[in-house]
Amino acid sequence: MRAGVVALGLGFGTWAGAASDGLPPMEVQKVGKDVYFVQGQSGAASSANAGFISNAGAVATGEGLVVFDTLGTPALGAKMRQLIEAASGEKVKILVVSHYHADHFYGIQSFAGPGVEIIAHPTSVVVFKGDNTTRRLEQRRQDLFPWVSDDTHLILASRMARITPTQNETFKLGRYHFTLIDGLGAHAPDDMMMRVEELGVLFTGDLFFTGRVPFVGDADPKLWLKGLQRMTETPPKVAIPGHGAVSYAPEKDIELTRRYLSYLSEQMAEAVANMQSFEEAYEAIDWSEFKDLPAFSLANRLNAVGAYLNAEKDALKQK
């Protein structure tokens, strides 16, 4: 169902799905030529929002859709697929998974089947078979019931991307070339990005968030910085993140993330070198450049704890 169109001169539009299915409202936004995007809500995954907290997108190639991520439940994945196929007039041909975190790939069973190739990072095999994946599924079956249940099946990719930390994979479908890029394990061990060469559009997964503080957790900020560097090797015109709004000024927004991660890493490394406790260091640091950014109050302290622990590990390695 077409809900409305805006900025027709730029090729932007919106298609909305009815909420009678019990799911949160979902809109497919057209991001310039041939690129479609679904933006999740803010907040934590719950039964109330059906796990709709992440983004996903697709590119119409003239020979089928290349989809990036599947949202956080099978029902969300099915709704997204229906809307994107209706908006584009094309069927899903290839699915690329950014990483095997629940909010990004639990919709995968709604895409798997004859005629659809599913591609993921080579390390996703280890992640998929790990205890954390099993535990998270059990937790989601409780917290997101009925959207995640005993009928929810996790599916491994049909093939692994031919990528390494120094080598990308490029494939062609229809009128576009796609480049798969190793995220260097910055956010998750199996991080992978996808660039649409002719359009200058970069799907970043969770390695980048527009205009806000990222959730770093226990990831190493230094690795994350290397991942950001890979994003800008070919500067994108548009960046589509794993959460939040599309960036139409990606160099500026990526630079903000880079400054934050650099500052976080440097300050925690200095604290460890000076043998300060975490609490002492955290209270003494000047966070004024970042304190007014969205998600600062939610994420910064947790990010700092993770950076402090990583700095301690680095210090031990040097002894």
C-alpha atoms as a PDB file:
ATOM      1  CA  MET A   1       0.000   0.000   0.000  1.00  0.00           C
ATOM      2  CA  ARG A   2       1.467   3.291  -1.020  1.00  0.00           C
ATOM      3  CA  ALA A   3       1.156   5.747   1.835  1.00  0.00           C
ATOM      4  CA  GLY A   4       2.705   8.853   0.359  1.00  0.00           C
ATOM      5  CA  VAL A   5       5.526  10.326  -1.642  1.00  0.00           C
ATOM      6  CA  VAL A   6       7.899  13.140  -0.706  1.00  0.00           C
ATOM      7  CA  ALA A   7      10.740  14.875  -2.543  1.00  0.00           C
ATOM      8  CA  LEU A   8       9.753  13.384  -5.870  1.00  0.00           C
ATOM      9  CA  GLY A   9      12.493  15.276  -7.680  1.00  0.00           C
ATOM     10  CA  LEU A  10      15.107  13.314  -5.741  1.00  0.00           C
ATOM     11  CA  GLY A  11      13.398   9.976  -6.218  1.00  0.00           C
ATOM     12  CA  PHE A  12      12.428   9.566  -2.565  1.00  0.00           C
ATOM     13  CA  GLY A  13       9.206   7.883  -1.460  1.00  0.00           C
ATOM     14  CA  THR A  14       7.494   6.017   1.353  1.00  0.00           C
ATOM     15  CA  TRP A  15       5.461   2.827   1.376  1.00  0.00           C
ATOM     16  CA  ALA A  16       3.673   1.787   4.586  1.00  0.00           C
ATOM     17  CA  GLY A  17       2.349  -1.534   5.822  1.00  0.00           C
ATOM     18  CA  ALA A  18      -0.921  -1.817   7.707  1.00  0.00           C
ATOM     19  CA  ALA A  19      -0.681  -2.464  11.460  1.00  0.00           C
ATOM     20  CA  SER A  20      -3.611  -4.943  11.535  1.00  0.00           C
ATOM     21  CA  ASP A  21      -1.099  -7.804  11.775  1.00  0.00           C
ATOM     22  CA  GLY A  22      -0.221  -6.767  15.338  1.00  0.00           C
ATOM     23  CA  LEU A  23       3.248  -5.605  14.340  1.00  0.00           C
ATOM     24  CA  PRO A  24       4.454  -2.028  14.800  1.00  0.00           C
ATOM     25  CA  PRO A  25       3.897   0.265  11.798  1.00  0.00           C
ATOM     26  CA  MET A  26       6.577  -0.231   9.152  1.00  0.00           C
ATOM     27  CA  GLU A  27       7.501   2.121   6.341  1.00  0.00           C
ATOM     28  CA  VAL A  28       9.767   1.440   3.408  1.00  0.00           C
ATOM     29  CA  GLN A  29      11.623   4.609   2.478  1.00  0.00           C
ATOM     30  CA  LYS A  30      13.164   5.069  -0.944  1.00  0.00           C
ATOM     31  CA  VAL A  31      16.672   6.480  -0.577  1.00  0.00           C
ATOM     32  CA  GLY A  32      17.417   7.929  -3.979  1.00  0.00           C
ATOM     33  CA  LYS A  33      17.489   5.631  -6.988  1.00  0.00           C
ATOM     34  CA  ASP A  34      16.722   1.925  -6.447  1.00  0.00           C
ATOM     35  CA  VAL A  35      17.572   1.838  -2.712  1.00  0.00           C
ATOM     36  CA  TYR A  36      14.931   0.933  -0.127  1.00  0.00           C
ATOM     37  CA  PHE A  37      15.253   1.239   3.635  1.00  0.00           C
ATOM     38  CA  VAL A  38      13.291   0.205   6.737  1.00  0.00           C
ATOM     39  CA  GLN A  39      14.097   2.030   9.993  1.00  0.00           C
ATOM     40  CA  GLY A  40      13.473   0.365  13.344  1.00  0.00           C
ATOM     41  CA  GLN A  41      12.264   2.054  16.490  1.00  0.00           C
ATOM     42  CA  SER A  42      14.538   3.241  19.281  1.00  0.00           C
ATOM     43  CA  GLY A  43      14.698   1.291  22.532  1.00  0.00           C
ATOM     44  CA  ALA A  44      15.238  -2.308  23.587  1.00  0.00           C
ATOM     45  CA  ALA A  45      13.625  -5.315  21.908  1.00  0.00           C
ATOM     46  CA  SER A  46      10.366  -6.417  23.538  1.00  0.00           C
ATOM     47  CA  SER A  47       7.092  -8.177  22.782  1.00  0.00           C
ATOM     48  CA  ALA A  48       5.461  -4.751  22.552  1.00  0.00           C
ATOM     49  CA  ASN A  49       7.653  -3.637  19.637  1.00  0.00           C
ATOM     50  CA  ALA A  50       8.056  -7.176  18.227  1.00  0.00           C
ATOM     51  CA  GLY A  51      11.817  -6.667  18.214  1.00  0.00           C
ATOM     52  CA  PHE A  52      11.576  -3.895  15.604  1.00  0.00           C
ATOM     53  CA  ILE A  53      14.653  -1.950  16.752  1.00  0.00           C
ATOM     54  CA  SER A  54      17.050  -2.314  13.812  1.00  0.00           C
ATOM     55  CA  ASN A  55      17.290  -1.269  10.180  1.00  0.00           C
ATOM     56  CA  ALA A  56      17.399  -3.236   6.958  1.00  0.00           C
ATOM     57  CA  GLY A  57      17.480  -2.318   3.292  1.00  0.00           C
ATOM     58  CA  ALA A  58      17.476  -3.495  -0.290  1.00  0.00           C
ATOM     59  CA  VAL A  59      18.664  -2.520  -3.755  1.00  0.00           C
ATOM     60  CA  ALA A  60      16.602  -3.118  -6.895  1.00  0.00           C
ATOM     61  CA  THR A  61      18.952  -4.216  -9.662  1.00  0.00           C
ATOM     62  CA  GLY A  62      16.587  -4.938 -12.540  1.00  0.00           C
ATOM     63  CA  GLU A  63      17.313  -8.648 -12.077  1.00  0.00           C
ATOM     64  CA  GLY A  64      16.176  -8.969  -8.472  1.00  0.00           C
ATOM     65  CA  LEU A  65      16.652  -7.454  -5.031  1.00  0.00           C
ATOM     66  CA  VAL A  66      19.859  -7.544  -3.018  1.00  0.00           C
ATOM     67  CA  VAL A  67      18.712  -7.312   0.614  1.00  0.00           C
ATOM     68  CA  PHE A  68      20.892  -6.279   3.562  1.00  0.00           C
ATOM     69  CA  ASP A  69      19.700  -7.758   6.894  1.00  0.00           C
ATOM     70  CA  THR A  70      16.293  -9.155   7.839  1.00  0.00           C
ATOM     71  CA  LEU A  71      15.177  -7.408  11.069  1.00  0.00           C
ATOM     72  CA  GLY A  72      14.621  -9.068  14.441  1.00  0.00           C
ATOM     73  CA  THR A  73      11.780 -11.596  14.049  1.00  0.00           C
ATOM     74  CA  PRO A  74      10.386 -13.807  11.278  1.00  0.00           C
ATOM     75  CA  ALA A  75       7.170 -11.759  11.157  1.00  0.00           C
ATOM     76  CA  LEU A  76       9.115  -8.519  10.721  1.00  0.00           C
ATOM     77  CA  GLY A  77      11.240 -10.121   8.015  1.00  0.00           C
ATOM     78  CA  ALA A  78       8.150 -11.322   6.170  1.00  0.00           C
ATOM     79  CA  LYS A  79       6.495  -7.899   6.379  1.00  0.00           C
ATOM     80  CA  MET A  80       9.627  -6.133   5.181  1.00  0.00           C
ATOM     81  CA  ARG A  81       9.997  -8.545   2.267  1.00  0.00           C
ATOM     82  CA  GLN A  82       6.380  -8.047   1.230  1.00  0.00           C
ATOM     83  CA  LEU A  83       6.667  -4.256   1.342  1.00  0.00           C
ATOM     84  CA  ILE A  84      10.000  -4.042  -0.470  1.00  0.00           C
ATOM     85  CA  GLU A  85       8.959  -6.448  -3.208  1.00  0.00           C
ATOM     86  CA  ALA A  86       5.736  -4.466  -3.689  1.00  0.00           C
ATOM     87  CA  ALA A  87       7.543  -1.114  -3.756  1.00  0.00           C
ATOM     88  CA  SER A  88      10.261  -2.241  -6.178  1.00  0.00           C
ATOM     89  CA  GLY A  89       8.341  -4.688  -8.336  1.00  0.00           C
ATOM     90  CA  GLU A  90      11.227  -7.163  -7.944  1.00  0.00           C
ATOM     91  CA  LYS A  91      11.786 -10.390  -6.003  1.00  0.00           C
ATOM     92  CA  VAL A  92      14.553 -11.097  -3.510  1.00  0.00           C
ATOM     93  CA  LYS A  93      17.563 -12.690  -5.187  1.00  0.00           C
ATOM     94  CA  ILE A  94      20.440 -12.235  -2.709  1.00  0.00           C
ATOM     95  CA  LEU A  95      20.436 -11.656   1.050  1.00  0.00           C
ATOM     96  CA  VAL A  96      23.535 -10.270   2.785  1.00  0.00           C
ATOM     97  CA  VAL A  97      23.727 -10.581   6.590  1.00  0.00           C
ATOM     98  CA  SER A  98      25.703  -7.830   8.344  1.00  0.00           C
ATOM     99  CA  HIS A  99      26.342  -9.971  11.447  1.00  0.00           C
ATOM    100  CA  TYR A 100      24.624 -12.709  13.424  1.00  0.00           C
ATOM    101  CA  HIS A 101      23.109 -10.604  16.208  1.00  0.00           C
ATOM    102  CA  ALA A 102      19.467 -11.325  16.996  1.00  0.00           C
ATOM    103  CA  ASP A 103      18.096  -7.929  15.996  1.00  0.00           C
ATOM    104  CA  HIS A 104      19.594  -8.204  12.514  1.00  0.00           C
ATOM    105  CA  PHE A 105      19.087 -11.800  11.387  1.00  0.00           C
ATOM    106  CA  TYR A 106      16.116 -13.397  13.179  1.00  0.00           C
ATOM    107  CA  GLY A 107      13.952 -12.582  10.159  1.00  0.00           C
ATOM    108  CA  ILE A 108      16.126 -14.820   8.000  1.00  0.00           C
ATOM    109  CA  GLN A 109      13.656 -17.719   7.745  1.00  0.00           C
ATOM    110  CA  SER A 110      11.263 -15.416   5.890  1.00  0.00           C
ATOM    111  CA  PHE A 111      13.883 -14.984   3.150  1.00  0.00           C
ATOM    112  CA  ALA A 112      15.444 -18.451   2.953  1.00  0.00           C
ATOM    113  CA  GLY A 113      14.253 -20.746   0.213  1.00  0.00           C
ATOM    114  CA  PRO A 114      14.714 -21.685  -3.439  1.00  0.00           C
ATOM    115  CA  GLY A 115      16.215 -18.960  -5.574  1.00  0.00           C
ATOM    116  CA  VAL A 116      17.623 -16.870  -2.691  1.00  0.00           C
ATOM    117  CA  GLU A 117      21.362 -16.896  -1.997  1.00  0.00           C
ATOM    118  CA  ILE A 118      22.290 -15.940   1.582  1.00  0.00           C
ATOM    119  CA  ILE A 119      25.787 -14.518   2.155  1.00  0.00           C
ATOM    120  CA  ALA A 120      27.503 -13.864   5.498  1.00  0.00           C
ATOM    121  CA  HIS A 121      30.985 -13.294   6.919  1.00  0.00           C
ATOM    122  CA  PRO A 122      33.133 -16.465   7.142  1.00  0.00           C
ATOM    123  CA  THR A 123      33.338 -16.084  10.935  1.00  0.00           C
ATOM    124  CA  SER A 124      29.538 -16.284  11.161  1.00  0.00           C
ATOM    125  CA  VAL A 125      29.851 -20.091  11.188  1.00  0.00           C
ATOM    126  CA  VAL A 126      31.646 -19.934  14.541  1.00  0.00           C
ATOM    127  CA  VAL A 127      29.215 -17.332  15.894  1.00  0.00           C
ATOM    128  CA  PHE A 128      26.193 -19.310  14.691  1.00  0.00           C
ATOM    129  CA  LYS A 129      27.344 -22.508  16.404  1.00  0.00           C
ATOM    130  CA  GLY A 130      28.376 -20.763  19.627  1.00  0.00           C
ATOM    131  CA  ASP A 131      26.685 -21.021  23.010  1.00  0.00           C
ATOM    132  CA  ASN A 132      25.805 -17.330  22.983  1.00  0.00           C
ATOM    133  CA  THR A 133      23.586 -17.806  19.929  1.00  0.00           C
ATOM    134  CA  THR A 134      21.738 -20.684  21.618  1.00  0.00           C
ATOM    135  CA  ARG A 135      21.280 -18.751  24.856  1.00  0.00           C
ATOM    136  CA  ARG A 136      20.072 -15.631  23.056  1.00  0.00           C
ATOM    137  CA  LEU A 137      17.445 -17.622  21.155  1.00  0.00           C
ATOM    138  CA  GLU A 138      16.060 -19.057  24.406  1.00  0.00           C
ATOM    139  CA  GLN A 139      16.020 -15.584  25.953  1.00  0.00           C
ATOM    140  CA  ARG A 140      14.274 -14.095  22.913  1.00  0.00           C
ATOM    141  CA  ARG A 141      11.654 -16.864  22.973  1.00  0.00           C
ATOM    142  CA  GLN A 142      10.685 -15.636  26.414  1.00  0.00           C
ATOM    143  CA  ASP A 143      11.080 -11.881  26.013  1.00  0.00           C
ATOM    144  CA  LEU A 144       9.682 -11.564  22.471  1.00  0.00           C
ATOM    145  CA  PHE A 145       6.928 -14.195  22.541  1.00  0.00           C
ATOM    146  CA  PRO A 146       4.906 -14.718  20.369  1.00  0.00           C
ATOM    147  CA  TRP A 147       7.136 -13.046  17.757  1.00  0.00           C
ATOM    148  CA  VAL A 148      10.007 -15.397  18.612  1.00  0.00           C
ATOM    149  CA  SER A 149       8.846 -18.893  19.544  1.00  0.00           C
ATOM    150  CA  ASP A 150       9.578 -22.586  19.050  1.00  0.00           C
ATOM    151  CA  ASP A 151       8.676 -22.012  15.400  1.00  0.00           C
ATOM    152  CA  THR A 152      11.566 -19.552  15.001  1.00  0.00           C
ATOM    153  CA  HIS A 153      14.469 -21.183  13.182  1.00  0.00           C
ATOM    154  CA  LEU A 154      17.944 -19.711  12.834  1.00  0.00           C
ATOM    155  CA  ILE A 155      19.552 -20.355   9.469  1.00  0.00           C
ATOM    156  CA  LEU A 156      23.201 -20.289   8.464  1.00  0.00           C
ATOM    157  CA  ALA A 157      24.144 -18.561   5.223  1.00  0.00           C
ATOM    158  CA  SER A 158      24.210 -20.682   2.085  1.00  0.00           C
ATOM    159  CA  ARG A 159      27.694 -19.385   1.329  1.00  0.00           C
ATOM    160  CA  MET A 160      30.415 -17.387   3.030  1.00  0.00           C
ATOM    161  CA  ALA A 161      31.660 -14.102   1.603  1.00  0.00           C
ATOM    162  CA  ARG A 162      35.078 -14.310  -0.027  1.00  0.00           C
ATOM    163  CA  ILE A 163      36.585 -11.626   2.164  1.00  0.00           C
ATOM    164  CA  THR A 164      39.579 -11.204   4.465  1.00  0.00           C
ATOM    165  CA  PRO A 165      40.774  -8.226   6.527  1.00  0.00           C
ATOM    166  CA  THR A 166      42.632  -7.018   3.435  1.00  0.00           C
ATOM    167  CA  GLN A 167      40.478  -8.338   0.583  1.00  0.00           C
ATOM    168  CA  ASN A 168      36.926  -7.435  -0.455  1.00  0.00           C
ATOM    169  CA  GLU A 169      34.509  -9.428  -2.579  1.00  0.00           C
ATOM    170  CA  THR A 170      32.723  -7.792  -5.510  1.00  0.00           C
ATOM    171  CA  PHE A 171      29.749  -9.321  -7.286  1.00  0.00           C
ATOM    172  CA  LYS A 172      27.366  -8.014  -9.937  1.00  0.00           C
ATOM    173  CA  LEU A 173      23.626  -8.350 -10.208  1.00  0.00           C
ATOM    174  CA  GLY A 174      21.694  -6.502 -12.860  1.00  0.00           C
ATOM    175  CA  ARG A 175      22.838  -2.912 -13.227  1.00  0.00           C
ATOM    176  CA  TYR A 176      24.931  -2.716 -10.052  1.00  0.00           C
ATOM    177  CA  HIS A 177      28.213  -3.926  -8.605  1.00  0.00           C
ATOM    178  CA  PHE A 178      28.272  -4.750  -4.888  1.00  0.00           C
ATOM    179  CA  THR A 179      31.357  -4.855  -2.684  1.00  0.00           C
ATOM    180  CA  LEU A 180      31.402  -6.853   0.563  1.00  0.00           C
ATOM    181  CA  ILE A 181      33.823  -5.456   3.140  1.00  0.00           C
ATOM    182  CA  ASP A 182      35.240  -7.105   6.257  1.00  0.00           C
ATOM    183  CA  GLY A 183      34.340  -5.058   9.341  1.00  0.00           C
ATOM    184  CA  LEU A 184      37.452  -6.387  11.123  1.00  0.00           C
ATOM    185  CA  GLY A 185      35.456  -7.690  14.091  1.00  0.00           C
ATOM    186  CA  ALA A 186      35.043  -4.156  15.398  1.00  0.00           C
ATOM    187  CA  HIS A 187      31.505  -4.557  16.757  1.00  0.00           C
ATOM    188  CA  ALA A 188      30.999  -8.308  16.335  1.00  0.00           C
ATOM    189  CA  PRO A 189      33.369 -11.057  15.132  1.00  0.00           C
ATOM    190  CA  ASP A 190      31.414 -11.409  11.880  1.00  0.00           C
ATOM    191  CA  ASP A 191      30.856  -7.736  10.967  1.00  0.00           C
ATOM    192  CA  MET A 192      30.416  -7.143   7.246  1.00  0.00           C
ATOM    193  CA  MET A 193      29.492  -4.049   5.236  1.00  0.00           C
ATOM    194  CA  MET A 194      28.152  -3.708   1.687  1.00  0.00           C
ATOM    195  CA  ARG A 195      28.820  -0.907  -0.792  1.00  0.00           C
ATOM    196  CA  VAL A 196      26.756  -0.286  -3.941  1.00  0.00           C
ATOM    197  CA  GLU A 197      29.452   1.014  -6.244  1.00  0.00           C
ATOM    198  CA  GLU A 198      27.490   2.922  -8.873  1.00  0.00           C
ATOM    199  CA  LEU A 199      25.315   4.668  -6.263  1.00  0.00           C
ATOM    200  CA  GLY A 200      27.911   5.369  -3.585  1.00  0.00           C
ATOM    201  CA  VAL A 201      25.637   3.845  -0.930  1.00  0.00           C
ATOM    202  CA  LEU A 202      27.212   2.017   2.013  1.00  0.00           C
ATOM    203  CA  PHE A 203      25.279  -0.351   4.274  1.00  0.00           C
ATOM    204  CA  THR A 204      27.325  -0.286   7.479  1.00  0.00           C
ATOM    205  CA  GLY A 205      25.581  -2.666   9.868  1.00  0.00           C
ATOM    206  CA  ASP A 206      26.305  -1.722  13.478  1.00  0.00           C
ATOM    207  CA  LEU A 207      29.707  -0.174  12.771  1.00  0.00           C
ATOM    208  CA  PHE A 208      28.207   3.286  12.419  1.00  0.00           C
ATOM    209  CA  PHE A 209      25.262   5.257  13.788  1.00  0.00           C
ATOM    210  CA  THR A 210      24.170   8.645  12.482  1.00  0.00           C
ATOM    211  CA  GLY A 211      24.711  11.596  14.813  1.00  0.00           C
ATOM    212  CA  ARG A 212      24.775   9.679  18.093  1.00  0.00           C
ATOM    213  CA  VAL A 213      27.058   7.832  20.458  1.00  0.00           C
ATOM    214  CA  PRO A 214      27.565   4.198  19.378  1.00  0.00           C
ATOM    215  CA  PHE A 215      27.020   1.262  21.706  1.00  0.00           C
ATOM    216  CA  VAL A 216      30.573  -0.064  21.933  1.00  0.00           C
ATOM    217  CA  GLY A 217      30.138  -2.390  24.907  1.00  0.00           C
ATOM    218  CA  ASP A 218      33.156  -4.662  25.315  1.00  0.00           C
ATOM    219  CA  ALA A 219      34.320  -4.188  21.709  1.00  0.00           C
ATOM    220  CA  ASP A 220      37.805  -2.752  21.270  1.00  0.00           C
ATOM    221  CA  PRO A 221      37.579   0.934  20.207  1.00  0.00           C
ATOM    222  CA  LYS A 222      40.917   0.601  18.392  1.00  0.00           C
ATOM    223  CA  LEU A 223      39.521  -2.152  16.159  1.00  0.00           C
ATOM    224  CA  TRP A 224      36.386  -0.102  15.610  1.00  0.00           C
ATOM    225  CA  LEU A 225      38.503   2.804  14.412  1.00  0.00           C
ATOM    226  CA  LYS A 226      40.096   0.522  11.831  1.00  0.00           C
ATOM    227  CA  GLY A 227      36.608  -0.501  10.723  1.00  0.00           C
ATOM    228  CA  LEU A 228      35.676   3.161  10.255  1.00  0.00           C
ATOM    229  CA  GLN A 229      38.806   3.635   8.172  1.00  0.00           C
ATOM    230  CA  ARG A 230      37.633   0.852   5.865  1.00  0.00           C
ATOM    231  CA  MET A 231      34.325   2.684   5.403  1.00  0.00           C
ATOM    232  CA  THR A 232      36.057   5.748   4.024  1.00  0.00           C
ATOM    233  CA  GLU A 233      38.560   4.042   1.714  1.00  0.00           C
ATOM    234  CA  THR A 234      35.955   4.798  -0.944  1.00  0.00           C
ATOM    235  CA  PRO A 235      34.016   7.708   0.599  1.00  0.00           C
ATOM    236  CA  PRO A 236      30.270   6.963   0.497  1.00  0.00           C
ATOM    237  CA  LYS A 237      27.652   9.473  -0.605  1.00  0.00           C
ATOM    238  CA  VAL A 238      25.039   7.897   1.669  1.00  0.00           C
ATOM    239  CA  ALA A 239      25.505   5.603   4.668  1.00  0.00           C
ATOM    240  CA  ILE A 240      22.702   3.346   5.910  1.00  0.00           C
ATOM    241  CA  PRO A 241      23.387   2.278   9.520  1.00  0.00           C
ATOM    242  CA  GLY A 242      22.160  -0.700  11.510  1.00  0.00           C
ATOM    243  CA  HIS A 243      20.119   1.585  13.769  1.00  0.00           C
ATOM    244  CA  GLY A 244      18.784   5.109  13.393  1.00  0.00           C
ATOM    245  CA  ALA A 245      18.494   7.497  10.486  1.00  0.00           C
ATOM    246  CA  VAL A 246      20.213   7.393   7.099  1.00  0.00           C
ATOM    247  CA  SER A 247      23.269   9.643   6.861  1.00  0.00           C
ATOM    248  CA  TYR A 248      23.364  11.973   3.875  1.00  0.00           C
ATOM    249  CA  ALA A 249      26.613  13.504   5.155  1.00  0.00           C
ATOM    250  CA  PRO A 250      28.510  10.313   5.980  1.00  0.00           C
ATOM    251  CA  GLU A 251      32.019  11.768   6.054  1.00  0.00           C
ATOM    252  CA  LYS A 252      30.935  14.265   8.714  1.00  0.00           C
ATOM    253  CA  ASP A 253      28.990  11.673  10.703  1.00  0.00           C
ATOM    254  CA  ILE A 254      31.727   9.040  10.487  1.00  0.00           C
ATOM    255  CA  GLU A 255      34.230  11.649  11.666  1.00  0.00           C
ATOM    256  CA  LEU A 256      32.072  12.284  14.749  1.00  0.00           C
ATOM    257  CA  THR A 257      32.110   8.574  15.562  1.00  0.00           C
ATOM    258  CA  ARG A 258      35.858   8.465  14.948  1.00  0.00           C
ATOM    259  CA  ARG A 259      36.491  11.376  17.324  1.00  0.00           C
ATOM    260  CA  TYR A 260      34.379   9.780  20.028  1.00  0.00           C
ATOM    261  CA  LEU A 261      36.079   6.387  19.789  1.00  0.00           C
ATOM    262  CA  SER A 262      39.549   7.942  19.659  1.00  0.00           C
ATOM    263  CA  TYR A 263      38.845  10.050  22.725  1.00  0.00           C
ATOM    264  CA  LEU A 264      37.329   7.106  24.591  1.00  0.00           C
ATOM    265  CA  SER A 265      40.306   4.864  23.829  1.00  0.00           C
ATOM    266  CA  GLU A 266      42.929   7.507  24.618  1.00  0.00           C
ATOM    267  CA  GLN A 267      41.357   8.568  27.911  1.00  0.00           C
ATOM    268  CA  MET A 268      40.957   5.024  29.213  1.00  0.00           C
ATOM    269  CA  ALA A 269      44.498   4.064  28.137  1.00  0.00           C
ATOM    270  CA  GLU A 270      45.835   7.104  29.990  1.00  0.00           C
ATOM    271  CA  ALA A 271      43.832   6.177  33.090  1.00  0.00           C
ATOM    272  CA  VAL A 272      45.241   2.647  33.112  1.00  0.00           C
ATOM    273  CA  ALA A 273      48.782   3.935  32.551  1.00  0.00           C
ATOM    274  CA  ASN A 274      48.344   6.265  35.538  1.00  0.00           C
ATOM    275  CA  MET A 275      46.898   3.402  37.614  1.00  0.00           C
ATOM    276  CA  GLN A 276      43.642   5.248  38.209  1.00  0.00           C
ATOM    277  CA  SER A 277      40.545   3.301  39.163  1.00  0.00           C
ATOM    278  CA  PHE A 278      37.753   3.347  36.604  1.00  0.00           C
ATOM    279  CA  GLU A 279      35.490   5.454  38.811  1.00  0.00           C
ATOM    280  CA  GLU A 280      38.216   8.001  39.487  1.00  0.00           C
ATOM    281  CA  ALA A 281      39.093   8.266  35.809  1.00  0.00           C
ATOM    282  CA  TYR A 282      35.509   8.435  34.554  1.00  0.00           C
ATOM    283  CA  GLU A 283      34.573  11.281  36.876  1.00  0.00           C
ATOM    284  CA  ALA A 284      37.698  13.262  35.946  1.00  0.00           C
ATOM    285  CA  ILE A 285      37.290  13.031  32.156  1.00  0.00           C
ATOM    286  CA  ASP A 286      35.819  15.997  30.287  1.00  0.00           C
ATOM    287  CA  TRP A 287      32.951  14.534  28.227  1.00  0.00           C
ATOM    288  CA  SER A 288      31.591  17.937  27.172  1.00  0.00           C
ATOM    289  CA  GLU A 289      32.124  17.415  23.420  1.00  0.00           C
ATOM    290  CA  PHE A 290      29.823  14.390  23.411  1.00  0.00           C
ATOM    291  CA  LYS A 291      27.483  14.699  26.414  1.00  0.00           C
ATOM    292  CA  ASP A 292      24.629  16.274  24.433  1.00  0.00           C
ATOM    293  CA  LEU A 293      24.622  13.604  21.713  1.00  0.00           C
ATOM    294  CA  PRO A 294      21.718  11.139  21.569  1.00  0.00           C
ATOM    295  CA  ALA A 295      22.392   7.897  23.511  1.00  0.00           C
ATOM    296  CA  PHE A 296      25.236   9.440  25.536  1.00  0.00           C
ATOM    297  CA  SER A 297      23.492   8.895  28.862  1.00  0.00           C
ATOM    298  CA  LEU A 298      22.610   5.309  27.926  1.00  0.00           C
ATOM    299  CA  ALA A 299      25.853   4.205  26.313  1.00  0.00           C
ATOM    300  CA  ASN A 300      28.834   6.255  27.411  1.00  0.00           C
ATOM    301  CA  ARG A 301      29.500   4.739  30.823  1.00  0.00           C
ATOM    302  CA  LEU A 302      29.186   1.175  29.493  1.00  0.00           C
ATOM    303  CA  ASN A 303      31.444   2.093  26.576  1.00  0.00           C
ATOM    304  CA  ALA A 304      34.002   3.528  28.982  1.00  0.00           C
ATOM    305  CA  VAL A 305      33.979   0.371  31.124  1.00  0.00           C
ATOM    306  CA  GLY A 306      34.673  -1.737  28.038  1.00  0.00           C
ATOM    307  CA  ALA A 307      37.435   0.602  26.861  1.00  0.00           C
ATOM    308  CA  TYR A 308      39.030   0.564  30.325  1.00  0.00           C
ATOM    309  CA  LEU A 309      39.051  -3.250  30.393  1.00  0.00           C
ATOM    310  CA  ASN A 310      40.555  -3.363  26.895  1.00  0.00           C
ATOM    311  CA  ALA A 311      43.227  -0.869  27.977  1.00  0.00           C
ATOM    312  CA  GLU A 312      44.063  -3.115  30.945  1.00  0.00           C
ATOM    313  CA  LYS A 313      44.456  -6.101  28.596  1.00  0.00           C
ATOM    314  CA  ASP A 314      46.748  -4.073  26.338  1.00  0.00           C
ATOM    315  CA  ALA A 315      48.842  -3.015  29.329  1.00  0.00           C
ATOM    316  CA  LEU A 316      49.260  -6.628  30.457  1.00  0.00           C
ATOM    317  CA  LYS A 317      50.393  -7.651  26.962  1.00  0.00           C
ATOM    318  CA  GLN A 318      53.161  -5.053  27.096  1.00  0.00           C
ATOM    319  CA  LYS A 319      54.612  -6.375  30.349  1.00  0.00           C
END
